[in-house]
Amino acid sequence: TRDAKSLVCRNSVLVVFSLVFYAWGEP
């Protein structure tokens, strides 16, 4: 994005890891 403020990829990583975290005990 050439934008230091962009959080698109970081937010995506956070969502994916959050779903993995929850699915680990509650698939």
mmCIF file of all heavy atoms, coordinates in Angstrom:
data_MODEL
# 
_entry.id   MODEL 
# 
loop_
_atom_site.group_PDB 
_atom_site.id 
_atom_site.type_symbol 
_atom_site.label_atom_id 
_atom_site.label_alt_id 
_atom_site.label_comp_id 
_atom_site.label_asym_id 
_atom_site.label_entity_id 
_atom_site.label_seq_id 
_atom_site.pdbx_PDB_ins_code 
_atom_site.Cartn_x 
_atom_site.Cartn_y 
_atom_site.Cartn_z 
_atom_site.occupancy 
_atom_site.B_iso_or_equiv 
_atom_site.pdbx_formal_charge 
_atom_site.auth_seq_id 
_atom_site.auth_comp_id 
_atom_site.auth_asym_id 
_atom_site.auth_atom_id 
_atom_site.pdbx_PDB_model_num 
ATOM 1   N N   . THR A 1 1  ? 0.813   -1.224  0.000  1.00 0.00 ? 1  THR A N   1 
ATOM 2   C CA  . THR A 1 1  ? 0.000   0.000   0.000  1.00 0.00 ? 1  THR A CA  1 
ATOM 3   C C   . THR A 1 1  ? 0.844   1.271   0.000  1.00 0.00 ? 1  THR A C   1 
ATOM 4   O O   . THR A 1 1  ? 0.316   2.352   -0.247 1.00 0.00 ? 1  THR A O   1 
ATOM 5   C CB  . THR A 1 1  ? -0.913  0.030   1.232  1.00 0.00 ? 1  THR A CB  1 
ATOM 6   O OG1 . THR A 1 1  ? -0.102  0.098   2.422  1.00 0.00 ? 1  THR A OG1 1 
ATOM 7   C CG2 . THR A 1 1  ? -1.782  -1.221  1.303  1.00 0.00 ? 1  THR A CG2 1 
ATOM 8   N N   . ARG A 1 2  ? 2.137   1.129   0.292  1.00 0.00 ? 2  ARG A N   1 
ATOM 9   C CA  . ARG A 1 2  ? 3.023   2.294   0.434  1.00 0.00 ? 2  ARG A CA  1 
ATOM 10  C C   . ARG A 1 2  ? 2.458   3.305   1.424  1.00 0.00 ? 2  ARG A C   1 
ATOM 11  O O   . ARG A 1 2  ? 2.630   4.506   1.297  1.00 0.00 ? 2  ARG A O   1 
ATOM 12  C CB  . ARG A 1 2  ? 3.281   2.953   -0.927 1.00 0.00 ? 2  ARG A CB  1 
ATOM 13  C CG  . ARG A 1 2  ? 3.940   2.037   -1.927 1.00 0.00 ? 2  ARG A CG  1 
ATOM 14  C CD  . ARG A 1 2  ? 4.308   2.772   -3.197 1.00 0.00 ? 2  ARG A CD  1 
ATOM 15  N NE  . ARG A 1 2  ? 4.891   1.867   -4.174 1.00 0.00 ? 2  ARG A NE  1 
ATOM 16  C CZ  . ARG A 1 2  ? 6.146   1.463   -4.173 1.00 0.00 ? 2  ARG A CZ  1 
ATOM 17  N NH1 . ARG A 1 2  ? 6.949   1.898   -3.223 1.00 0.00 ? 2  ARG A NH1 1 
ATOM 18  N NH2 . ARG A 1 2  ? 6.603   0.646   -5.083 1.00 0.00 ? 2  ARG A NH2 1 
ATOM 19  N N   . ASP A 1 3  ? 1.734   2.744   2.399  1.00 0.00 ? 3  ASP A N   1 
ATOM 20  C CA  . ASP A 1 3  ? 1.101   3.581   3.425  1.00 0.00 ? 3  ASP A CA  1 
ATOM 21  C C   . ASP A 1 3  ? 1.471   3.023   4.785  1.00 0.00 ? 3  ASP A C   1 
ATOM 22  O O   . ASP A 1 3  ? 1.079   1.907   5.137  1.00 0.00 ? 3  ASP A O   1 
ATOM 23  C CB  . ASP A 1 3  ? -0.417  3.584   3.241  1.00 0.00 ? 3  ASP A CB  1 
ATOM 24  C CG  . ASP A 1 3  ? -1.124  4.461   4.277  1.00 0.00 ? 3  ASP A CG  1 
ATOM 25  O OD1 . ASP A 1 3  ? -0.429  5.124   5.076  1.00 0.00 ? 3  ASP A OD1 1 
ATOM 26  O OD2 . ASP A 1 3  ? -2.365  4.471   4.277  1.00 0.00 ? 3  ASP A OD2 1 
ATOM 27  N N   . ALA A 1 4  ? 2.237   3.783   5.546  1.00 0.00 ? 4  ALA A N   1 
ATOM 28  C CA  . ALA A 1 4  ? 2.701   3.310   6.850  1.00 0.00 ? 4  ALA A CA  1 
ATOM 29  C C   . ALA A 1 4  ? 1.546   3.067   7.803  1.00 0.00 ? 4  ALA A C   1 
ATOM 30  O O   . ALA A 1 4  ? 1.682   2.349   8.791  1.00 0.00 ? 4  ALA A O   1 
ATOM 31  C CB  . ALA A 1 4  ? 3.678   4.311   7.457  1.00 0.00 ? 4  ALA A CB  1 
ATOM 32  N N   . LYS A 1 5  ? 0.378   3.677   7.496  1.00 0.00 ? 5  LYS A N   1 
ATOM 33  C CA  . LYS A 1 5  ? -0.770  3.536   8.393  1.00 0.00 ? 5  LYS A CA  1 
ATOM 34  C C   . LYS A 1 5  ? -1.607  2.302   8.099  1.00 0.00 ? 5  LYS A C   1 
ATOM 35  O O   . LYS A 1 5  ? -2.492  1.962   8.879  1.00 0.00 ? 5  LYS A O   1 
ATOM 36  C CB  . LYS A 1 5  ? -1.659  4.775   8.295  1.00 0.00 ? 5  LYS A CB  1 
ATOM 37  C CG  . LYS A 1 5  ? -0.988  6.065   8.763  1.00 0.00 ? 5  LYS A CG  1 
ATOM 38  C CD  . LYS A 1 5  ? -1.958  7.234   8.658  1.00 0.00 ? 5  LYS A CD  1 
ATOM 39  C CE  . LYS A 1 5  ? -1.311  8.520   9.148  1.00 0.00 ? 5  LYS A CE  1 
ATOM 40  N NZ  . LYS A 1 5  ? -2.254  9.669   9.057  1.00 0.00 ? 5  LYS A NZ  1 
ATOM 41  N N   . SER A 1 6  ? -1.373  1.644   6.984  1.00 0.00 ? 6  SER A N   1 
ATOM 42  C CA  . SER A 1 6  ? -2.209  0.516   6.590  1.00 0.00 ? 6  SER A CA  1 
ATOM 43  C C   . SER A 1 6  ? -2.089  -0.641  7.580  1.00 0.00 ? 6  SER A C   1 
ATOM 44  O O   . SER A 1 6  ? -0.987  -0.983  8.037  1.00 0.00 ? 6  SER A O   1 
ATOM 45  C CB  . SER A 1 6  ? -1.807  0.027   5.198  1.00 0.00 ? 6  SER A CB  1 
ATOM 46  O OG  . SER A 1 6  ? -2.536  -1.133  4.858  1.00 0.00 ? 6  SER A OG  1 
ATOM 47  N N   . LEU A 1 7  ? -3.226  -1.241  7.908  1.00 0.00 ? 7  LEU A N   1 
ATOM 48  C CA  . LEU A 1 7  ? -3.255  -2.361  8.856  1.00 0.00 ? 7  LEU A CA  1 
ATOM 49  C C   . LEU A 1 7  ? -3.959  -3.584  8.266  1.00 0.00 ? 7  LEU A C   1 
ATOM 50  O O   . LEU A 1 7  ? -4.287  -4.512  8.994  1.00 0.00 ? 7  LEU A O   1 
ATOM 51  C CB  . LEU A 1 7  ? -3.983  -1.929  10.137 1.00 0.00 ? 7  LEU A CB  1 
ATOM 52  C CG  . LEU A 1 7  ? -3.298  -0.867  10.985 1.00 0.00 ? 7  LEU A CG  1 
ATOM 53  C CD1 . LEU A 1 7  ? -4.295  -0.233  11.947 1.00 0.00 ? 7  LEU A CD1 1 
ATOM 54  C CD2 . LEU A 1 7  ? -2.139  -1.468  11.767 1.00 0.00 ? 7  LEU A CD2 1 
ATOM 55  N N   . VAL A 1 8  ? -4.167  -3.584  6.960  1.00 0.00 ? 8  VAL A N   1 
ATOM 56  C CA  . VAL A 1 8  ? -4.965  -4.641  6.331  1.00 0.00 ? 8  VAL A CA  1 
ATOM 57  C C   . VAL A 1 8  ? -4.370  -6.019  6.588  1.00 0.00 ? 8  VAL A C   1 
ATOM 58  O O   . VAL A 1 8  ? -5.057  -6.944  7.046  1.00 0.00 ? 8  VAL A O   1 
ATOM 59  C CB  . VAL A 1 8  ? -5.099  -4.384  4.813  1.00 0.00 ? 8  VAL A CB  1 
ATOM 60  C CG1 . VAL A 1 8  ? -5.808  -5.570  4.145  1.00 0.00 ? 8  VAL A CG1 1 
ATOM 61  C CG2 . VAL A 1 8  ? -5.862  -3.099  4.557  1.00 0.00 ? 8  VAL A CG2 1 
ATOM 62  N N   . CYS A 1 9  ? -3.109  -6.194  6.294  1.00 0.00 ? 9  CYS A N   1 
ATOM 63  C CA  . CYS A 1 9  ? -2.483  -7.512  6.462  1.00 0.00 ? 9  CYS A CA  1 
ATOM 64  C C   . CYS A 1 9  ? -2.349  -7.888  7.933  1.00 0.00 ? 9  CYS A C   1 
ATOM 65  O O   . CYS A 1 9  ? -2.568  -9.034  8.314  1.00 0.00 ? 9  CYS A O   1 
ATOM 66  C CB  . CYS A 1 9  ? -1.114  -7.527  5.782  1.00 0.00 ? 9  CYS A CB  1 
ATOM 67  S SG  . CYS A 1 9  ? -1.206  -7.415  3.982  1.00 0.00 ? 9  CYS A SG  1 
ATOM 68  N N   . ARG A 1 10 ? -1.987  -6.930  8.770  1.00 0.00 ? 10 ARG A N   1 
ATOM 69  C CA  . ARG A 1 10 ? -1.857  -7.227  10.201 1.00 0.00 ? 10 ARG A CA  1 
ATOM 70  C C   . ARG A 1 10 ? -3.205  -7.602  10.814 1.00 0.00 ? 10 ARG A C   1 
ATOM 71  O O   . ARG A 1 10 ? -3.292  -8.534  11.617 1.00 0.00 ? 10 ARG A O   1 
ATOM 72  C CB  . ARG A 1 10 ? -1.252  -6.021  10.925 1.00 0.00 ? 10 ARG A CB  1 
ATOM 73  C CG  . ARG A 1 10 ? 0.261   -5.977  10.871 1.00 0.00 ? 10 ARG A CG  1 
ATOM 74  C CD  . ARG A 1 10 ? 0.811   -4.670  11.364 1.00 0.00 ? 10 ARG A CD  1 
ATOM 75  N NE  . ARG A 1 10 ? 0.626   -3.612  10.361 1.00 0.00 ? 10 ARG A NE  1 
ATOM 76  C CZ  . ARG A 1 10 ? 1.073   -2.373  10.497 1.00 0.00 ? 10 ARG A CZ  1 
ATOM 77  N NH1 . ARG A 1 10 ? 1.710   -2.019  11.604 1.00 0.00 ? 10 ARG A NH1 1 
ATOM 78  N NH2 . ARG A 1 10 ? 0.887   -1.485  9.542  1.00 0.00 ? 10 ARG A NH2 1 
ATOM 79  N N   . ASN A 1 11 ? -4.253  -6.900  10.434 1.00 0.00 ? 11 ASN A N   1 
ATOM 80  C CA  . ASN A 1 11 ? -5.580  -7.264  10.934 1.00 0.00 ? 11 ASN A CA  1 
ATOM 81  C C   . ASN A 1 11 ? -5.993  -8.641  10.445 1.00 0.00 ? 11 ASN A C   1 
ATOM 82  O O   . ASN A 1 11 ? -6.640  -9.395  11.173 1.00 0.00 ? 11 ASN A O   1 
ATOM 83  C CB  . ASN A 1 11 ? -6.612  -6.216  10.495 1.00 0.00 ? 11 ASN A CB  1 
ATOM 84  C CG  . ASN A 1 11 ? -6.519  -4.935  11.302 1.00 0.00 ? 11 ASN A CG  1 
ATOM 85  O OD1 . ASN A 1 11 ? -5.822  -4.872  12.314 1.00 0.00 ? 11 ASN A OD1 1 
ATOM 86  N ND2 . ASN A 1 11 ? -7.208  -3.898  10.860 1.00 0.00 ? 11 ASN A ND2 1 
ATOM 87  N N   . SER A 1 12 ? -5.631  -8.982  9.217  1.00 0.00 ? 12 SER A N   1 
ATOM 88  C CA  . SER A 1 12 ? -5.955  -10.306 8.679  1.00 0.00 ? 12 SER A CA  1 
ATOM 89  C C   . SER A 1 12 ? -5.238  -11.401 9.458  1.00 0.00 ? 12 SER A C   1 
ATOM 90  O O   . SER A 1 12 ? -5.818  -12.438 9.780  1.00 0.00 ? 12 SER A O   1 
ATOM 91  C CB  . SER A 1 12 ? -5.587  -10.379 7.192  1.00 0.00 ? 12 SER A CB  1 
ATOM 92  O OG  . SER A 1 12 ? -6.343  -9.459  6.435  1.00 0.00 ? 12 SER A OG  1 
ATOM 93  N N   . VAL A 1 13 ? -3.977  -11.159 9.765  1.00 0.00 ? 13 VAL A N   1 
ATOM 94  C CA  . VAL A 1 13 ? -3.225  -12.133 10.578 1.00 0.00 ? 13 VAL A CA  1 
ATOM 95  C C   . VAL A 1 13 ? -3.862  -12.294 11.950 1.00 0.00 ? 13 VAL A C   1 
ATOM 96  O O   . VAL A 1 13 ? -3.999  -13.407 12.464 1.00 0.00 ? 13 VAL A O   1 
ATOM 97  C CB  . VAL A 1 13 ? -1.750  -11.689 10.708 1.00 0.00 ? 13 VAL A CB  1 
ATOM 98  C CG1 . VAL A 1 13 ? -1.035  -12.490 11.802 1.00 0.00 ? 13 VAL A CG1 1 
ATOM 99  C CG2 . VAL A 1 13 ? -1.034  -11.857 9.382  1.00 0.00 ? 13 VAL A CG2 1 
ATOM 100 N N   . LEU A 1 14 ? -4.275  -11.176 12.542 1.00 0.00 ? 14 LEU A N   1 
ATOM 101 C CA  . LEU A 1 14 ? -4.905  -11.225 13.861 1.00 0.00 ? 14 LEU A CA  1 
ATOM 102 C C   . LEU A 1 14 ? -6.205  -12.018 13.815 1.00 0.00 ? 14 LEU A C   1 
ATOM 103 O O   . LEU A 1 14 ? -6.476  -12.824 14.713 1.00 0.00 ? 14 LEU A O   1 
ATOM 104 C CB  . LEU A 1 14 ? -5.157  -9.803  14.365 1.00 0.00 ? 14 LEU A CB  1 
ATOM 105 C CG  . LEU A 1 14 ? -5.827  -9.647  15.732 1.00 0.00 ? 14 LEU A CG  1 
ATOM 106 C CD1 . LEU A 1 14 ? -5.084  -10.435 16.804 1.00 0.00 ? 14 LEU A CD1 1 
ATOM 107 C CD2 . LEU A 1 14 ? -5.927  -8.175  16.116 1.00 0.00 ? 14 LEU A CD2 1 
ATOM 108 N N   . VAL A 1 15 ? -7.005  -11.832 12.784 1.00 0.00 ? 15 VAL A N   1 
ATOM 109 C CA  . VAL A 1 15 ? -8.256  -12.582 12.660 1.00 0.00 ? 15 VAL A CA  1 
ATOM 110 C C   . VAL A 1 15 ? -7.983  -14.068 12.479 1.00 0.00 ? 15 VAL A C   1 
ATOM 111 O O   . VAL A 1 15 ? -8.601  -14.914 13.146 1.00 0.00 ? 15 VAL A O   1 
ATOM 112 C CB  . VAL A 1 15 ? -9.097  -12.042 11.480 1.00 0.00 ? 15 VAL A CB  1 
ATOM 113 C CG1 . VAL A 1 15 ? -10.261 -12.984 11.182 1.00 0.00 ? 15 VAL A CG1 1 
ATOM 114 C CG2 . VAL A 1 15 ? -9.629  -10.652 11.788 1.00 0.00 ? 15 VAL A CG2 1 
ATOM 115 N N   . VAL A 1 16 ? -7.061  -14.412 11.590 1.00 0.00 ? 16 VAL A N   1 
ATOM 116 C CA  . VAL A 1 16 ? -6.768  -15.830 11.328 1.00 0.00 ? 16 VAL A CA  1 
ATOM 117 C C   . VAL A 1 16 ? -6.259  -16.516 12.590 1.00 0.00 ? 16 VAL A C   1 
ATOM 118 O O   . VAL A 1 16 ? -6.708  -17.615 12.940 1.00 0.00 ? 16 VAL A O   1 
ATOM 119 C CB  . VAL A 1 16 ? -5.737  -15.952 10.180 1.00 0.00 ? 16 VAL A CB  1 
ATOM 120 C CG1 . VAL A 1 16 ? -5.246  -17.395 10.066 1.00 0.00 ? 16 VAL A CG1 1 
ATOM 121 C CG2 . VAL A 1 16 ? -6.361  -15.513 8.856  1.00 0.00 ? 16 VAL A CG2 1 
ATOM 122 N N   . PHE A 1 17 ? -5.340  -15.887 13.294 1.00 0.00 ? 17 PHE A N   1 
ATOM 123 C CA  . PHE A 1 17 ? -4.816  -16.493 14.519 1.00 0.00 ? 17 PHE A CA  1 
ATOM 124 C C   . PHE A 1 17 ? -5.886  -16.563 15.602 1.00 0.00 ? 17 PHE A C   1 
ATOM 125 O O   . PHE A 1 17 ? -5.903  -17.498 16.407 1.00 0.00 ? 17 PHE A O   1 
ATOM 126 C CB  . PHE A 1 17 ? -3.589  -15.727 15.017 1.00 0.00 ? 17 PHE A CB  1 
ATOM 127 C CG  . PHE A 1 17 ? -2.298  -16.227 14.451 1.00 0.00 ? 17 PHE A CG  1 
ATOM 128 C CD1 . PHE A 1 17 ? -1.879  -15.832 13.183 1.00 0.00 ? 17 PHE A CD1 1 
ATOM 129 C CD2 . PHE A 1 17 ? -1.504  -17.111 15.160 1.00 0.00 ? 17 PHE A CD2 1 
ATOM 130 C CE1 . PHE A 1 17 ? -0.693  -16.306 12.648 1.00 0.00 ? 17 PHE A CE1 1 
ATOM 131 C CE2 . PHE A 1 17 ? -0.315  -17.590 14.635 1.00 0.00 ? 17 PHE A CE2 1 
ATOM 132 C CZ  . PHE A 1 17 ? 0.095   -17.190 13.365 1.00 0.00 ? 17 PHE A CZ  1 
ATOM 133 N N   . SER A 1 18 ? -6.783  -15.595 15.628 1.00 0.00 ? 18 SER A N   1 
ATOM 134 C CA  . SER A 1 18 ? -7.879  -15.629 16.606 1.00 0.00 ? 18 SER A CA  1 
ATOM 135 C C   . SER A 1 18 ? -8.807  -16.810 16.337 1.00 0.00 ? 18 SER A C   1 
ATOM 136 O O   . SER A 1 18 ? -9.239  -17.496 17.266 1.00 0.00 ? 18 SER A O   1 
ATOM 137 C CB  . SER A 1 18 ? -8.672  -14.312 16.554 1.00 0.00 ? 18 SER A CB  1 
ATOM 138 O OG  . SER A 1 18 ? -7.873  -13.221 16.954 1.00 0.00 ? 18 SER A OG  1 
ATOM 139 N N   . LEU A 1 19 ? -9.095  -17.061 15.076 1.00 0.00 ? 19 LEU A N   1 
ATOM 140 C CA  . LEU A 1 19 ? -9.949  -18.198 14.731 1.00 0.00 ? 19 LEU A CA  1 
ATOM 141 C C   . LEU A 1 19 ? -9.259  -19.516 15.033 1.00 0.00 ? 19 LEU A C   1 
ATOM 142 O O   . LEU A 1 19 ? -9.889  -20.467 15.516 1.00 0.00 ? 19 LEU A O   1 
ATOM 143 C CB  . LEU A 1 19 ? -10.342 -18.120 13.252 1.00 0.00 ? 19 LEU A CB  1 
ATOM 144 C CG  . LEU A 1 19 ? -11.216 -16.920 12.855 1.00 0.00 ? 19 LEU A CG  1 
ATOM 145 C CD1 . LEU A 1 19 ? -11.497 -16.934 11.357 1.00 0.00 ? 19 LEU A CD1 1 
ATOM 146 C CD2 . LEU A 1 19 ? -12.529 -16.914 13.636 1.00 0.00 ? 19 LEU A CD2 1 
ATOM 147 N N   . VAL A 1 20 ? -7.974  -19.586 14.765 1.00 0.00 ? 20 VAL A N   1 
ATOM 148 C CA  . VAL A 1 20 ? -7.214  -20.799 15.108 1.00 0.00 ? 20 VAL A CA  1 
ATOM 149 C C   . VAL A 1 20 ? -7.208  -21.009 16.616 1.00 0.00 ? 20 VAL A C   1 
ATOM 150 O O   . VAL A 1 20 ? -7.393  -22.125 17.110 1.00 0.00 ? 20 VAL A O   1 
ATOM 151 C CB  . VAL A 1 20 ? -5.770  -20.705 14.566 1.00 0.00 ? 20 VAL A CB  1 
ATOM 152 C CG1 . VAL A 1 20 ? -4.913  -21.840 15.121 1.00 0.00 ? 20 VAL A CG1 1 
ATOM 153 C CG2 . VAL A 1 20 ? -5.775  -20.735 13.045 1.00 0.00 ? 20 VAL A CG2 1 
ATOM 154 N N   . PHE A 1 21 ? -6.992  -19.921 17.358 1.00 0.00 ? 21 PHE A N   1 
ATOM 155 C CA  . PHE A 1 21 ? -6.976  -19.982 18.819 1.00 0.00 ? 21 PHE A CA  1 
ATOM 156 C C   . PHE A 1 21 ? -8.293  -20.535 19.350 1.00 0.00 ? 21 PHE A C   1 
ATOM 157 O O   . PHE A 1 21 ? -8.319  -21.411 20.215 1.00 0.00 ? 21 PHE A O   1 
ATOM 158 C CB  . PHE A 1 21 ? -6.721  -18.575 19.371 1.00 0.00 ? 21 PHE A CB  1 
ATOM 159 C CG  . PHE A 1 21 ? -6.789  -18.463 20.864 1.00 0.00 ? 21 PHE A CG  1 
ATOM 160 C CD1 . PHE A 1 21 ? -5.700  -18.790 21.649 1.00 0.00 ? 21 PHE A CD1 1 
ATOM 161 C CD2 . PHE A 1 21 ? -7.945  -18.018 21.505 1.00 0.00 ? 21 PHE A CD2 1 
ATOM 162 C CE1 . PHE A 1 21 ? -5.755  -18.678 23.041 1.00 0.00 ? 21 PHE A CE1 1 
ATOM 163 C CE2 . PHE A 1 21 ? -8.009  -17.901 22.875 1.00 0.00 ? 21 PHE A CE2 1 
ATOM 164 C CZ  . PHE A 1 21 ? -6.913  -18.234 23.648 1.00 0.00 ? 21 PHE A CZ  1 
ATOM 165 N N   . TYR A 1 22 ? -9.419  -20.023 18.829 1.00 0.00 ? 22 TYR A N   1 
ATOM 166 C CA  . TYR A 1 22 ? -10.727 -20.478 19.303 1.00 0.00 ? 22 TYR A CA  1 
ATOM 167 C C   . TYR A 1 22 ? -11.013 -21.895 18.831 1.00 0.00 ? 22 TYR A C   1 
ATOM 168 O O   . TYR A 1 22 ? -11.505 -22.729 19.597 1.00 0.00 ? 22 TYR A O   1 
ATOM 169 C CB  . TYR A 1 22 ? -11.818 -19.528 18.799 1.00 0.00 ? 22 TYR A CB  1 
ATOM 170 C CG  . TYR A 1 22 ? -13.155 -19.759 19.473 1.00 0.00 ? 22 TYR A CG  1 
ATOM 171 C CD1 . TYR A 1 22 ? -13.376 -19.289 20.764 1.00 0.00 ? 22 TYR A CD1 1 
ATOM 172 C CD2 . TYR A 1 22 ? -14.181 -20.439 18.837 1.00 0.00 ? 22 TYR A CD2 1 
ATOM 173 C CE1 . TYR A 1 22 ? -14.594 -19.492 21.398 1.00 0.00 ? 22 TYR A CE1 1 
ATOM 174 C CE2 . TYR A 1 22 ? -15.401 -20.652 19.467 1.00 0.00 ? 22 TYR A CE2 1 
ATOM 175 C CZ  . TYR A 1 22 ? -15.602 -20.179 20.744 1.00 0.00 ? 22 TYR A CZ  1 
ATOM 176 O OH  . TYR A 1 22 ? -16.798 -20.395 21.378 1.00 0.00 ? 22 TYR A OH  1 
ATOM 177 N N   . ALA A 1 23 ? -10.690 -22.190 17.573 1.00 0.00 ? 23 ALA A N   1 
ATOM 178 C CA  . ALA A 1 23 ? -10.976 -23.516 17.019 1.00 0.00 ? 23 ALA A CA  1 
ATOM 179 C C   . ALA A 1 23 ? -10.114 -24.600 17.655 1.00 0.00 ? 23 ALA A C   1 
ATOM 180 O O   . ALA A 1 23 ? -10.464 -25.787 17.590 1.00 0.00 ? 23 ALA A O   1 
ATOM 181 C CB  . ALA A 1 23 ? -10.770 -23.510 15.509 1.00 0.00 ? 23 ALA A CB  1 
ATOM 182 N N   . TRP A 1 24 ? -9.018  -24.213 18.288 1.00 0.00 ? 24 TRP A N   1 
ATOM 183 C CA  . TRP A 1 24 ? -8.122  -25.195 18.914 1.00 0.00 ? 24 TRP A CA  1 
ATOM 184 C C   . TRP A 1 24 ? -8.869  -26.021 19.965 1.00 0.00 ? 24 TRP A C   1 
ATOM 185 O O   . TRP A 1 24 ? -8.665  -27.217 20.091 1.00 0.00 ? 24 TRP A O   1 
ATOM 186 C CB  . TRP A 1 24 ? -6.940  -24.479 19.546 1.00 0.00 ? 24 TRP A CB  1 
ATOM 187 C CG  . TRP A 1 24 ? -5.810  -25.386 19.932 1.00 0.00 ? 24 TRP A CG  1 
ATOM 188 C CD1 . TRP A 1 24 ? -5.596  -25.970 21.147 1.00 0.00 ? 24 TRP A CD1 1 
ATOM 189 C CD2 . TRP A 1 24 ? -4.744  -25.804 19.083 1.00 0.00 ? 24 TRP A CD2 1 
ATOM 190 N NE1 . TRP A 1 24 ? -4.465  -26.734 21.125 1.00 0.00 ? 24 TRP A NE1 1 
ATOM 191 C CE2 . TRP A 1 24 ? -3.912  -26.654 19.863 1.00 0.00 ? 24 TRP A CE2 1 
ATOM 192 C CE3 . TRP A 1 24 ? -4.406  -25.563 17.759 1.00 0.00 ? 24 TRP A CE3 1 
ATOM 193 C CZ2 . TRP A 1 24 ? -2.759  -27.241 19.341 1.00 0.00 ? 24 TRP A CZ2 1 
ATOM 194 C CZ3 . TRP A 1 24 ? -3.258  -26.140 17.241 1.00 0.00 ? 24 TRP A CZ3 1 
ATOM 195 C CH2 . TRP A 1 24 ? -2.457  -26.967 18.027 1.00 0.00 ? 24 TRP A CH2 1 
ATOM 196 N N   . GLY A 1 25 ? -9.746  -25.382 20.701 1.00 0.00 ? 25 GLY A N   1 
ATOM 197 C CA  . GLY A 1 25 ? -10.514 -26.107 21.713 1.00 0.00 ? 25 GLY A CA  1 
ATOM 198 C C   . GLY A 1 25 ? -11.966 -26.280 21.332 1.00 0.00 ? 25 GLY A C   1 
ATOM 199 O O   . GLY A 1 25 ? -12.671 -27.108 21.899 1.00 0.00 ? 25 GLY A O   1 
ATOM 200 N N   . GLU A 1 26 ? -12.453 -25.476 20.370 1.00 0.00 ? 26 GLU A N   1 
ATOM 201 C CA  . GLU A 1 26 ? -13.866 -25.498 19.973 1.00 0.00 ? 26 GLU A CA  1 
ATOM 202 C C   . GLU A 1 26 ? -13.974 -25.524 18.441 1.00 0.00 ? 26 GLU A C   1 
ATOM 203 O O   . GLU A 1 26 ? -14.454 -24.580 17.819 1.00 0.00 ? 26 GLU A O   1 
ATOM 204 C CB  . GLU A 1 26 ? -14.577 -24.256 20.507 1.00 0.00 ? 26 GLU A CB  1 
ATOM 205 C CG  . GLU A 1 26 ? -14.554 -24.128 22.010 1.00 0.00 ? 26 GLU A CG  1 
ATOM 206 C CD  . GLU A 1 26 ? -15.621 -24.989 22.671 1.00 0.00 ? 26 GLU A CD  1 
ATOM 207 O OE1 . GLU A 1 26 ? -16.584 -25.380 21.996 1.00 0.00 ? 26 GLU A OE1 1 
ATOM 208 O OE2 . GLU A 1 26 ? -15.481 -25.269 23.869 1.00 0.00 ? 26 GLU A OE2 1 
ATOM 209 N N   . PRO A 1 27 ? -13.530 -26.607 17.775 1.00 0.00 ? 27 PRO A N   1 
ATOM 210 C CA  . PRO A 1 27 ? -13.516 -26.612 16.299 1.00 0.00 ? 27 PRO A CA  1 
ATOM 211 C C   . PRO A 1 27 ? -14.886 -26.470 15.664 1.00 0.00 ? 27 PRO A C   1 
ATOM 212 O O   . PRO A 1 27 ? -15.008 -25.931 14.568 1.00 0.00 ? 27 PRO A O   1 
ATOM 213 C CB  . PRO A 1 27 ? -12.886 -27.972 15.961 1.00 0.00 ? 27 PRO A CB  1 
ATOM 214 C CG  . PRO A 1 27 ? -13.049 -28.800 17.194 1.00 0.00 ? 27 PRO A CG  1 
ATOM 215 C CD  . PRO A 1 27 ? -13.003 -27.857 18.347 1.00 0.00 ? 27 PRO A CD  1 
# 
